[in-house]
Amino acid sequence: MAGQGRRAGVSSRIGPVRRGAARDCAKSAAPNPKPQEACAQKSEDETIAEELGLRADLAIVDLRRIRRDFAKKNHPDRFEPAHRLGAARRMTIANMLIDARLKQRPPSL
């Protein structure tokens, strides 16, 4: 349709376009200067670990429950093909984080 353009900041394939964190930080720092650490973005691993709620005191059954609950919401098969790669990456990171916690736990009898 002629004359109709895309909305600014939206990609037709994957949804909202994320602007660069450095640019966001520069804008927020202009009127009120802040230390650069305040604008630091969390890594994807840190974000997923926070979402999982991993703590050192969790029992093995709790870690397995957390894995199942995360998979119910984030498994790649639940997403459209265009979003499956990102979902697979999130699941891989979550599984690695949970597996690392499971290795730290003593075996239960």
PDB file of N, CA and C in Angstrom:
ATOM      1  N   MET A   1       0.832  -1.170   0.000  1.00  0.00           N
ATOM      2  CA  MET A   1       0.000   0.000   0.000  1.00  0.00           C
ATOM      3  C   MET A   1       0.879   1.236   0.000  1.00  0.00           C
ATOM      4  N   ALA A   2       0.650   2.065  -0.968  1.00  0.00           N
ATOM      5  CA  ALA A   2       1.471   3.256  -1.123  1.00  0.00           C
ATOM      6  C   ALA A   2       1.191   4.248  -0.003  1.00  0.00           C
ATOM      7  N   GLY A   3       2.235   4.893   0.451  1.00  0.00           N
ATOM      8  CA  GLY A   3       2.084   5.930   1.461  1.00  0.00           C
ATOM      9  C   GLY A   3       2.114   5.420   2.890  1.00  0.00           C
ATOM     10  N   GLN A   4       2.075   4.096   3.069  1.00  0.00           N
ATOM     11  CA  GLN A   4       2.115   3.570   4.423  1.00  0.00           C
ATOM     12  C   GLN A   4       3.504   3.025   4.699  1.00  0.00           C
ATOM     13  N   GLY A   5       4.172   3.601   5.640  1.00  0.00           N
ATOM     14  CA  GLY A   5       5.505   3.146   5.994  1.00  0.00           C
ATOM     15  C   GLY A   5       5.456   2.358   7.294  1.00  0.00           C
ATOM     16  N   ARG A   6       6.558   1.812   7.641  1.00  0.00           N
ATOM     17  CA  ARG A   6       6.653   1.105   8.908  1.00  0.00           C
ATOM     18  C   ARG A   6       6.710   2.102  10.048  1.00  0.00           C
ATOM     19  N   ARG A   7       6.220   1.652  11.186  1.00  0.00           N
ATOM     20  CA  ARG A   7       6.334   2.484  12.375  1.00  0.00           C
ATOM     21  C   ARG A   7       7.796   2.565  12.768  1.00  0.00           C
ATOM     22  N   ALA A   8       8.207   3.715  13.218  1.00  0.00           N
ATOM     23  CA  ALA A   8       9.600   3.900  13.624  1.00  0.00           C
ATOM     24  C   ALA A   8       9.915   3.009  14.810  1.00  0.00           C
ATOM     25  N   GLY A   9      11.063   2.337  14.757  1.00  0.00           N
ATOM     26  CA  GLY A   9      11.501   1.518  15.877  1.00  0.00           C
ATOM     27  C   GLY A   9      10.891   0.126  15.904  1.00  0.00           C
ATOM     28  N   VAL A  10      10.195  -0.291  14.853  1.00  0.00           N
ATOM     29  CA  VAL A  10       9.589  -1.612  14.832  1.00  0.00           C
ATOM     30  C   VAL A  10      10.042  -2.346  13.583  1.00  0.00           C
ATOM     31  N   SER A  11      10.524  -3.531  13.776  1.00  0.00           N
ATOM     32  CA  SER A  11      10.913  -4.385  12.664  1.00  0.00           C
ATOM     33  C   SER A  11       9.739  -5.294  12.342  1.00  0.00           C
ATOM     34  N   SER A  12       9.479  -5.522  11.086  1.00  0.00           N
ATOM     35  CA  SER A  12       8.338  -6.349  10.700  1.00  0.00           C
ATOM     36  C   SER A  12       8.547  -7.813  11.062  1.00  0.00           C
ATOM     37  N   ARG A  13       9.784  -8.216  11.297  1.00  0.00           N
ATOM     38  CA  ARG A  13      10.040  -9.625  11.568  1.00  0.00           C
ATOM     39  C   ARG A  13      10.108  -9.951  13.051  1.00  0.00           C
ATOM     40  N   ILE A  14      10.732  -9.122  13.852  1.00  0.00           N
ATOM     41  CA  ILE A  14      10.999  -9.549  15.220  1.00  0.00           C
ATOM     42  C   ILE A  14      10.486  -8.604  16.285  1.00  0.00           C
ATOM     43  N   GLY A  15       9.714  -7.622  15.957  1.00  0.00           N
ATOM     44  CA  GLY A  15       9.133  -6.749  16.964  1.00  0.00           C
ATOM     45  C   GLY A  15       9.958  -5.501  17.194  1.00  0.00           C
ATOM     46  N   PRO A  16       9.885  -4.938  18.402  1.00  0.00           N
ATOM     47  CA  PRO A  16      10.565  -3.671  18.675  1.00  0.00           C
ATOM     48  C   PRO A  16      12.073  -3.770  18.470  1.00  0.00           C
ATOM     49  N   VAL A  17      12.632  -2.735  17.934  1.00  0.00           N
ATOM     50  CA  VAL A  17      14.068  -2.666  17.709  1.00  0.00           C
ATOM     51  C   VAL A  17      14.710  -2.060  18.949  1.00  0.00           C
ATOM     52  N   ARG A  18      15.696  -2.720  19.496  1.00  0.00           N
ATOM     53  CA  ARG A  18      16.391  -2.240  20.685  1.00  0.00           C
ATOM     54  C   ARG A  18      17.466  -1.266  20.255  1.00  0.00           C
ATOM     55  N   ARG A  19      17.420  -0.090  20.772  1.00  0.00           N
ATOM     56  CA  ARG A  19      18.441   0.906  20.483  1.00  0.00           C
ATOM     57  C   ARG A  19      19.691   0.595  21.305  1.00  0.00           C
ATOM     58  N   GLY A  20      20.830   1.089  20.867  1.00  0.00           N
ATOM     59  CA  GLY A  20      22.095   0.821  21.536  1.00  0.00           C
ATOM     60  C   GLY A  20      22.113   1.315  22.976  1.00  0.00           C
ATOM     61  N   ALA A  21      22.610   0.480  23.872  1.00  0.00           N
ATOM     62  CA  ALA A  21      22.669   0.838  25.288  1.00  0.00           C
ATOM     63  C   ALA A  21      23.581   2.032  25.509  1.00  0.00           C
ATOM     64  N   ALA A  22      24.648   2.128  24.720  1.00  0.00           N
ATOM     65  CA  ALA A  22      25.560   3.259  24.881  1.00  0.00           C
ATOM     66  C   ALA A  22      24.853   4.572  24.556  1.00  0.00           C
ATOM     67  N   ARG A  23      24.012   4.545  23.534  1.00  0.00           N
ATOM     68  CA  ARG A  23      23.277   5.743  23.165  1.00  0.00           C
ATOM     69  C   ARG A  23      22.272   6.090  24.265  1.00  0.00           C
ATOM     70  N   ASP A  24      21.571   5.083  24.820  1.00  0.00           N
ATOM     71  CA  ASP A  24      20.634   5.314  25.920  1.00  0.00           C
ATOM     72  C   ASP A  24      21.362   5.902  27.125  1.00  0.00           C
ATOM     73  N   CYS A  25      22.533   5.368  27.401  1.00  0.00           N
ATOM     74  CA  CYS A  25      23.319   5.839  28.532  1.00  0.00           C
ATOM     75  C   CYS A  25      23.754   7.283  28.322  1.00  0.00           C
ATOM     76  N   ALA A  26      24.171   7.599  27.103  1.00  0.00           N
ATOM     77  CA  ALA A  26      24.616   8.965  26.804  1.00  0.00           C
ATOM     78  C   ALA A  26      23.469   9.950  26.975  1.00  0.00           C
ATOM     79  N   LYS A  27      22.270   9.569  26.539  1.00  0.00           N
ATOM     80  CA  LYS A  27      21.115  10.451  26.693  1.00  0.00           C
ATOM     81  C   LYS A  27      20.784  10.669  28.158  1.00  0.00           C
ATOM     82  N   SER A  28      20.822   9.582  28.957  1.00  0.00           N
ATOM     83  CA  SER A  28      20.462   9.718  30.364  1.00  0.00           C
ATOM     84  C   SER A  28      21.549  10.469  31.133  1.00  0.00           C
ATOM     85  N   ALA A  29      22.785  10.420  30.648  1.00  0.00           N
ATOM     86  CA  ALA A  29      23.874  11.060  31.366  1.00  0.00           C
ATOM     87  C   ALA A  29      23.979  12.555  31.043  1.00  0.00           C
ATOM     88  N   ALA A  30      23.383  12.984  29.942  1.00  0.00           N
ATOM     89  CA  ALA A  30      23.527  14.382  29.544  1.00  0.00           C
ATOM     90  C   ALA A  30      22.984  15.371  30.575  1.00  0.00           C
ATOM     91  N   PRO A  31      21.719  15.283  31.004  1.00  0.00           N
ATOM     92  CA  PRO A  31      21.230  16.258  31.956  1.00  0.00           C
ATOM     93  C   PRO A  31      21.752  16.040  33.373  1.00  0.00           C
ATOM     94  N   ASN A  32      22.001  14.820  33.743  1.00  0.00           N
ATOM     95  CA  ASN A  32      22.423  14.499  35.096  1.00  0.00           C
ATOM     96  C   ASN A  32      23.574  13.503  35.015  1.00  0.00           C
ATOM     97  N   PRO A  33      24.825  13.963  35.022  1.00  0.00           N
ATOM     98  CA  PRO A  33      25.955  13.053  34.841  1.00  0.00           C
ATOM     99  C   PRO A  33      25.982  11.958  35.905  1.00  0.00           C
ATOM    100  N   LYS A  34      26.167  10.713  35.448  1.00  0.00           N
ATOM    101  CA  LYS A  34      26.236   9.557  36.342  1.00  0.00           C
ATOM    102  C   LYS A  34      27.478   8.764  35.998  1.00  0.00           C
ATOM    103  N   PRO A  35      27.972   7.971  36.939  1.00  0.00           N
ATOM    104  CA  PRO A  35      29.105   7.102  36.611  1.00  0.00           C
ATOM    105  C   PRO A  35      28.717   6.107  35.528  1.00  0.00           C
ATOM    106  N   GLN A  36      29.661   5.712  34.718  1.00  0.00           N
ATOM    107  CA  GLN A  36      29.405   4.807  33.611  1.00  0.00           C
ATOM    108  C   GLN A  36      28.872   3.462  34.100  1.00  0.00           C
ATOM    109  N   GLU A  37      29.246   3.019  35.307  1.00  0.00           N
ATOM    110  CA  GLU A  37      28.785   1.735  35.814  1.00  0.00           C
ATOM    111  C   GLU A  37      27.275   1.710  35.977  1.00  0.00           C
ATOM    112  N   ALA A  38      26.672   2.838  36.255  1.00  0.00           N
ATOM    113  CA  ALA A  38      25.229   2.887  36.461  1.00  0.00           C
ATOM    114  C   ALA A  38      24.483   2.541  35.184  1.00  0.00           C
ATOM    115  N   CYS A  39      25.101   2.750  34.042  1.00  0.00           N
ATOM    116  CA  CYS A  39      24.450   2.495  32.765  1.00  0.00           C
ATOM    117  C   CYS A  39      24.827   1.127  32.188  1.00  0.00           C
ATOM    118  N   ALA A  40      25.697   0.405  32.850  1.00  0.00           N
ATOM    119  CA  ALA A  40      26.145  -0.880  32.321  1.00  0.00           C
ATOM    120  C   ALA A  40      24.962  -1.836  32.208  1.00  0.00           C
ATOM    121  N   GLN A  41      24.857  -2.490  31.073  1.00  0.00           N
ATOM    122  CA  GLN A  41      23.797  -3.462  30.841  1.00  0.00           C
ATOM    123  C   GLN A  41      24.225  -4.810  31.406  1.00  0.00           C
ATOM    124  N   LYS A  42      23.268  -5.548  31.926  1.00  0.00           N
ATOM    125  CA  LYS A  42      23.546  -6.899  32.402  1.00  0.00           C
ATOM    126  C   LYS A  42      23.789  -7.794  31.198  1.00  0.00           C
ATOM    127  N   SER A  43      24.644  -8.780  31.383  1.00  0.00           N
ATOM    128  CA  SER A  43      24.851  -9.751  30.314  1.00  0.00           C
ATOM    129  C   SER A  43      23.616 -10.644  30.238  1.00  0.00           C
ATOM    130  N   GLU A  44      23.494 -11.335  29.136  1.00  0.00           N
ATOM    131  CA  GLU A  44      22.347 -12.237  28.976  1.00  0.00           C
ATOM    132  C   GLU A  44      22.385 -13.337  30.028  1.00  0.00           C
ATOM    133  N   ASP A  45      23.583 -13.825  30.354  1.00  0.00           N
ATOM    134  CA  ASP A  45      23.715 -14.846  31.398  1.00  0.00           C
ATOM    135  C   ASP A  45      23.189 -14.329  32.739  1.00  0.00           C
ATOM    136  N   GLU A  46      23.577 -13.112  33.096  1.00  0.00           N
ATOM    137  CA  GLU A  46      23.139 -12.533  34.362  1.00  0.00           C
ATOM    138  C   GLU A  46      21.627 -12.322  34.395  1.00  0.00           C
ATOM    139  N   THR A  47      21.083 -11.887  33.279  1.00  0.00           N
ATOM    140  CA  THR A  47      19.642 -11.665  33.190  1.00  0.00           C
ATOM    141  C   THR A  47      18.884 -12.974  33.363  1.00  0.00           C
ATOM    142  N   ILE A  48      19.347 -14.026  32.708  1.00  0.00           N
ATOM    143  CA  ILE A  48      18.677 -15.322  32.802  1.00  0.00           C
ATOM    144  C   ILE A  48      18.852 -15.911  34.193  1.00  0.00           C
ATOM    145  N   ALA A  49      20.041 -15.789  34.776  1.00  0.00           N
ATOM    146  CA  ALA A  49      20.264 -16.294  36.136  1.00  0.00           C
ATOM    147  C   ALA A  49      19.335 -15.591  37.125  1.00  0.00           C
ATOM    148  N   GLU A  50      19.156 -14.294  36.942  1.00  0.00           N
ATOM    149  CA  GLU A  50      18.247 -13.542  37.803  1.00  0.00           C
ATOM    150  C   GLU A  50      16.804 -14.007  37.600  1.00  0.00           C
ATOM    151  N   GLU A  51      16.437 -14.238  36.362  1.00  0.00           N
ATOM    152  CA  GLU A  51      15.091 -14.722  36.041  1.00  0.00           C
ATOM    153  C   GLU A  51      14.845 -16.109  36.632  1.00  0.00           C
ATOM    154  N   LEU A  52      15.868 -16.955  36.610  1.00  0.00           N
ATOM    155  CA  LEU A  52      15.747 -18.293  37.177  1.00  0.00           C
ATOM    156  C   LEU A  52      15.667 -18.258  38.697  1.00  0.00           C
ATOM    157  N   GLY A  53      16.258 -17.249  39.301  1.00  0.00           N
ATOM    158  CA  GLY A  53      16.272 -17.159  40.758  1.00  0.00           C
ATOM    159  C   GLY A  53      17.233 -18.145  41.394  1.00  0.00           C
ATOM    160  N   LEU A  54      18.354 -18.386  40.743  1.00  0.00           N
ATOM    161  CA  LEU A  54      19.330 -19.353  41.252  1.00  0.00           C
ATOM    162  C   LEU A  54      20.024 -18.824  42.501  1.00  0.00           C
ATOM    163  N   ARG A  55      20.059 -19.689  43.501  1.00  0.00           N
ATOM    164  CA  ARG A  55      20.749 -19.383  44.756  1.00  0.00           C
ATOM    165  C   ARG A  55      21.562 -20.611  45.152  1.00  0.00           C
ATOM    166  N   ALA A  56      22.557 -20.402  45.969  1.00  0.00           N
ATOM    167  CA  ALA A  56      23.441 -21.492  46.380  1.00  0.00           C
ATOM    168  C   ALA A  56      22.723 -22.513  47.267  1.00  0.00           C
ATOM    169  N   ASP A  57      21.657 -22.115  47.946  1.00  0.00           N
ATOM    170  CA  ASP A  57      21.002 -23.010  48.908  1.00  0.00           C
ATOM    171  C   ASP A  57      19.868 -23.850  48.314  1.00  0.00           C
ATOM    172  N   LEU A  58      19.679 -23.826  47.007  1.00  0.00           N
ATOM    173  CA  LEU A  58      18.596 -24.581  46.387  1.00  0.00           C
ATOM    174  C   LEU A  58      18.911 -26.074  46.333  1.00  0.00           C
ATOM    175  N   ALA A  59      17.916 -26.882  46.640  1.00  0.00           N
ATOM    176  CA  ALA A  59      18.053 -28.336  46.568  1.00  0.00           C
ATOM    177  C   ALA A  59      17.954 -28.791  45.116  1.00  0.00           C
ATOM    178  N   ILE A  60      18.389 -30.025  44.872  1.00  0.00           N
ATOM    179  CA  ILE A  60      18.366 -30.580  43.526  1.00  0.00           C
ATOM    180  C   ILE A  60      16.946 -30.586  42.969  1.00  0.00           C
ATOM    181  N   VAL A  61      15.957 -30.958  43.781  1.00  0.00           N
ATOM    182  CA  VAL A  61      14.571 -30.991  43.292  1.00  0.00           C
ATOM    183  C   VAL A  61      14.109 -29.591  42.905  1.00  0.00           C
ATOM    184  N   ASP A  62      14.572 -28.573  43.633  1.00  0.00           N
ATOM    185  CA  ASP A  62      14.216 -27.195  43.293  1.00  0.00           C
ATOM    186  C   ASP A  62      14.832 -26.778  41.965  1.00  0.00           C
ATOM    187  N   LEU A  63      16.077 -27.155  41.742  1.00  0.00           N
ATOM    188  CA  LEU A  63      16.743 -26.822  40.475  1.00  0.00           C
ATOM    189  C   LEU A  63      16.050 -27.500  39.299  1.00  0.00           C
ATOM    190  N   ARG A  64      15.623 -28.738  39.487  1.00  0.00           N
ATOM    191  CA  ARG A  64      14.907 -29.445  38.418  1.00  0.00           C
ATOM    192  C   ARG A  64      13.550 -28.789  38.148  1.00  0.00           C
ATOM    193  N   ARG A  65      12.878 -28.348  39.188  1.00  0.00           N
ATOM    194  CA  ARG A  65      11.591 -27.664  39.028  1.00  0.00           C
ATOM    195  C   ARG A  65      11.789 -26.343  38.289  1.00  0.00           C
ATOM    196  N   ILE A  66      12.841 -25.614  38.651  1.00  0.00           N
ATOM    197  CA  ILE A  66      13.145 -24.344  37.990  1.00  0.00           C
ATOM    198  C   ILE A  66      13.400 -24.572  36.501  1.00  0.00           C
ATOM    199  N   ARG A  67      14.134 -25.638  36.168  1.00  0.00           N
ATOM    200  CA  ARG A  67      14.416 -25.954  34.760  1.00  0.00           C
ATOM    201  C   ARG A  67      13.111 -26.241  34.009  1.00  0.00           C
ATOM    202  N   ARG A  68      12.232 -27.054  34.599  1.00  0.00           N
ATOM    203  CA  ARG A  68      10.956 -27.380  33.940  1.00  0.00           C
ATOM    204  C   ARG A  68      10.103 -26.137  33.740  1.00  0.00           C
ATOM    205  N   ASP A  69      10.014 -25.308  34.780  1.00  0.00           N
ATOM    206  CA  ASP A  69       9.200 -24.094  34.690  1.00  0.00           C
ATOM    207  C   ASP A  69       9.738 -23.140  33.618  1.00  0.00           C
ATOM    208  N   PHE A  70      11.060 -22.997  33.553  1.00  0.00           N
ATOM    209  CA  PHE A  70      11.669 -22.123  32.545  1.00  0.00           C
ATOM    210  C   PHE A  70      11.395 -22.675  31.148  1.00  0.00           C
ATOM    211  N   ALA A  71      11.513 -24.000  30.986  1.00  0.00           N
ATOM    212  CA  ALA A  71      11.288 -24.619  29.682  1.00  0.00           C
ATOM    213  C   ALA A  71       9.832 -24.471  29.235  1.00  0.00           C
ATOM    214  N   LYS A  72       8.897 -24.522  30.170  1.00  0.00           N
ATOM    215  CA  LYS A  72       7.484 -24.356  29.816  1.00  0.00           C
ATOM    216  C   LYS A  72       7.230 -22.997  29.175  1.00  0.00           C
ATOM    217  N   LYS A  73       7.962 -21.996  29.623  1.00  0.00           N
ATOM    218  CA  LYS A  73       7.763 -20.637  29.107  1.00  0.00           C
ATOM    219  C   LYS A  73       8.678 -20.296  27.941  1.00  0.00           C
ATOM    220  N   ASN A  74       9.858 -20.899  27.885  1.00  0.00           N
ATOM    221  CA  ASN A  74      10.896 -20.427  26.963  1.00  0.00           C
ATOM    222  C   ASN A  74      11.390 -21.443  25.941  1.00  0.00           C
ATOM    223  N   HIS A  75      10.816 -22.646  25.903  1.00  0.00           N
ATOM    224  CA  HIS A  75      11.310 -23.655  24.969  1.00  0.00           C
ATOM    225  C   HIS A  75      11.119 -23.165  23.530  1.00  0.00           C
ATOM    226  N   PRO A  76      12.113 -23.375  22.667  1.00  0.00           N
ATOM    227  CA  PRO A  76      12.039 -22.893  21.280  1.00  0.00           C
ATOM    228  C   PRO A  76      10.810 -23.387  20.506  1.00  0.00           C
ATOM    229  N   ASP A  77      10.309 -24.563  20.828  1.00  0.00           N
ATOM    230  CA  ASP A  77       9.142 -25.089  20.123  1.00  0.00           C
ATOM    231  C   ASP A  77       7.882 -24.264  20.375  1.00  0.00           C
ATOM    232  N   ARG A  78       7.889 -23.420  21.382  1.00  0.00           N
ATOM    233  CA  ARG A  78       6.728 -22.597  21.711  1.00  0.00           C
ATOM    234  C   ARG A  78       6.710 -21.276  20.930  1.00  0.00           C
ATOM    235  N   PHE A  79       7.750 -21.014  20.153  1.00  0.00           N
ATOM    236  CA  PHE A  79       7.884 -19.734  19.457  1.00  0.00           C
ATOM    237  C   PHE A  79       7.758 -19.894  17.953  1.00  0.00           C
ATOM    238  N   GLU A  80       7.425 -18.788  17.318  1.00  0.00           N
ATOM    239  CA  GLU A  80       7.397 -18.741  15.858  1.00  0.00           C
ATOM    240  C   GLU A  80       8.816 -18.970  15.338  1.00  0.00           C
ATOM    241  N   PRO A  81       8.949 -19.487  14.126  1.00  0.00           N
ATOM    242  CA  PRO A  81      10.282 -19.769  13.582  1.00  0.00           C
ATOM    243  C   PRO A  81      11.253 -18.591  13.651  1.00  0.00           C
ATOM    244  N   ALA A  82      10.780 -17.386  13.473  1.00  0.00           N
ATOM    245  CA  ALA A  82      11.670 -16.221  13.499  1.00  0.00           C
ATOM    246  C   ALA A  82      12.264 -15.969  14.878  1.00  0.00           C
ATOM    247  N   HIS A  83      11.649 -16.496  15.930  1.00  0.00           N
ATOM    248  CA  HIS A  83      12.104 -16.242  17.301  1.00  0.00           C
ATOM    249  C   HIS A  83      12.765 -17.462  17.940  1.00  0.00           C
ATOM    250  N   ARG A  84      12.828 -18.562  17.223  1.00  0.00           N
ATOM    251  CA  ARG A  84      13.339 -19.802  17.817  1.00  0.00           C
ATOM    252  C   ARG A  84      14.827 -19.753  18.134  1.00  0.00           C
ATOM    253  N   LEU A  85      15.600 -19.065  17.335  1.00  0.00           N
ATOM    254  CA  LEU A  85      17.042 -19.004  17.585  1.00  0.00           C
ATOM    255  C   LEU A  85      17.326 -18.326  18.930  1.00  0.00           C
ATOM    256  N   GLY A  86      16.660 -17.221  19.197  1.00  0.00           N
ATOM    257  CA  GLY A  86      16.831 -16.536  20.477  1.00  0.00           C
ATOM    258  C   GLY A  86      16.347 -17.377  21.635  1.00  0.00           C
ATOM    259  N   ALA A  87      15.234 -18.081  21.460  1.00  0.00           N
ATOM    260  CA  ALA A  87      14.713 -18.945  22.514  1.00  0.00           C
ATOM    261  C   ALA A  87      15.660 -20.106  22.776  1.00  0.00           C
ATOM    262  N   ALA A  88      16.238 -20.659  21.714  1.00  0.00           N
ATOM    263  CA  ALA A  88      17.199 -21.753  21.878  1.00  0.00           C
ATOM    264  C   ALA A  88      18.436 -21.275  22.639  1.00  0.00           C
ATOM    265  N   ARG A  89      18.884 -20.064  22.344  1.00  0.00           N
ATOM    266  CA  ARG A  89      20.035 -19.501  23.056  1.00  0.00           C
ATOM    267  C   ARG A  89      19.713 -19.337  24.540  1.00  0.00           C
ATOM    268  N   ARG A  90      18.518 -18.817  24.849  1.00  0.00           N
ATOM    269  CA  ARG A  90      18.110 -18.645  26.256  1.00  0.00           C
ATOM    270  C   ARG A  90      18.026 -19.987  26.978  1.00  0.00           C
ATOM    271  N   MET A  91      17.470 -20.998  26.313  1.00  0.00           N
ATOM    272  CA  MET A  91      17.361 -22.318  26.932  1.00  0.00           C
ATOM    273  C   MET A  91      18.750 -22.918  27.172  1.00  0.00           C
ATOM    274  N   THR A  92      19.653 -22.734  26.209  1.00  0.00           N
ATOM    275  CA  THR A  92      21.009 -23.259  26.360  1.00  0.00           C
ATOM    276  C   THR A  92      21.704 -22.615  27.554  1.00  0.00           C
ATOM    277  N   ILE A  93      21.583 -21.303  27.687  1.00  0.00           N
ATOM    278  CA  ILE A  93      22.199 -20.596  28.805  1.00  0.00           C
ATOM    279  C   ILE A  93      21.577 -21.055  30.122  1.00  0.00           C
ATOM    280  N   ALA A  94      20.261 -21.147  30.174  1.00  0.00           N
ATOM    281  CA  ALA A  94      19.575 -21.580  31.395  1.00  0.00           C
ATOM    282  C   ALA A  94      20.019 -22.980  31.785  1.00  0.00           C
ATOM    283  N   ASN A  95      20.088 -23.889  30.819  1.00  0.00           N
ATOM    284  CA  ASN A  95      20.517 -25.261  31.114  1.00  0.00           C
ATOM    285  C   ASN A  95      21.949 -25.307  31.615  1.00  0.00           C
ATOM    286  N   MET A  96      22.830 -24.505  31.022  1.00  0.00           N
ATOM    287  CA  MET A  96      24.228 -24.480  31.479  1.00  0.00           C
ATOM    288  C   MET A  96      24.317 -23.947  32.912  1.00  0.00           C
ATOM    289  N   LEU A  97      23.564 -22.893  33.220  1.00  0.00           N
ATOM    290  CA  LEU A  97      23.586 -22.328  34.568  1.00  0.00           C
ATOM    291  C   LEU A  97      23.050 -23.321  35.597  1.00  0.00           C
ATOM    292  N   ILE A  98      21.966 -23.989  35.263  1.00  0.00           N
ATOM    293  CA  ILE A  98      21.375 -24.971  36.188  1.00  0.00           C
ATOM    294  C   ILE A  98      22.296 -26.171  36.333  1.00  0.00           C
ATOM    295  N   ASP A  99      22.875 -26.653  35.233  1.00  0.00           N
ATOM    296  CA  ASP A  99      23.808 -27.781  35.306  1.00  0.00           C
ATOM    297  C   ASP A  99      25.008 -27.455  36.186  1.00  0.00           C
ATOM    298  N   ALA A 100      25.505 -26.232  36.099  1.00  0.00           N
ATOM    299  CA  ALA A 100      26.635 -25.823  36.942  1.00  0.00           C
ATOM    300  C   ALA A 100      26.242 -25.868  38.418  1.00  0.00           C
ATOM    301  N   ARG A 101      25.019 -25.425  38.734  1.00  0.00           N
ATOM    302  CA  ARG A 101      24.540 -25.485  40.127  1.00  0.00           C
ATOM    303  C   ARG A 101      24.375 -26.926  40.583  1.00  0.00           C
ATOM    304  N   LEU A 102      23.863 -27.782  39.707  1.00  0.00           N
ATOM    305  CA  LEU A 102      23.678 -29.190  40.062  1.00  0.00           C
ATOM    306  C   LEU A 102      25.018 -29.870  40.353  1.00  0.00           C
ATOM    307  N   LYS A 103      26.061 -29.501  39.613  1.00  0.00           N
ATOM    308  CA  LYS A 103      27.391 -30.081  39.844  1.00  0.00           C
ATOM    309  C   LYS A 103      27.967 -29.643  41.176  1.00  0.00           C
ATOM    310  N   GLN A 104      27.563 -28.485  41.653  1.00  0.00           N
ATOM    311  CA  GLN A 104      28.051 -27.979  42.938  1.00  0.00           C
ATOM    312  C   GLN A 104      27.373 -28.655  44.117  1.00  0.00           C
ATOM    313  N   ARG A 105      26.203 -29.242  43.894  1.00  0.00           N
ATOM    314  CA  ARG A 105      25.438 -29.875  44.969  1.00  0.00           C
ATOM    315  C   ARG A 105      25.997 -31.270  45.247  1.00  0.00           C
ATOM    316  N   PRO A 106      26.039 -31.694  46.502  1.00  0.00           N
ATOM    317  CA  PRO A 106      26.443 -33.070  46.787  1.00  0.00           C
ATOM    318  C   PRO A 106      25.323 -34.017  46.328  1.00  0.00           C
ATOM    319  N   PRO A 107      25.688 -35.223  45.896  1.00  0.00           N
ATOM    320  CA  PRO A 107      24.662 -36.163  45.458  1.00  0.00           C
ATOM    321  C   PRO A 107      23.731 -36.549  46.597  1.00  0.00           C
ATOM    322  N   SER A 108      22.443 -36.627  46.299  1.00  0.00           N
ATOM    323  CA  SER A 108      21.483 -37.016  47.326  1.00  0.00           C
ATOM    324  C   SER A 108      21.300 -38.523  47.313  1.00  0.00           C
ATOM    325  N   LEU A 109      21.023 -39.060  48.454  1.00  0.00           N
ATOM    326  CA  LEU A 109      20.875 -40.519  48.568  1.00  0.00           C
ATOM    327  C   LEU A 109      19.449 -40.924  48.433  1.00  0.00           C
TER     328      LEU A 109
END
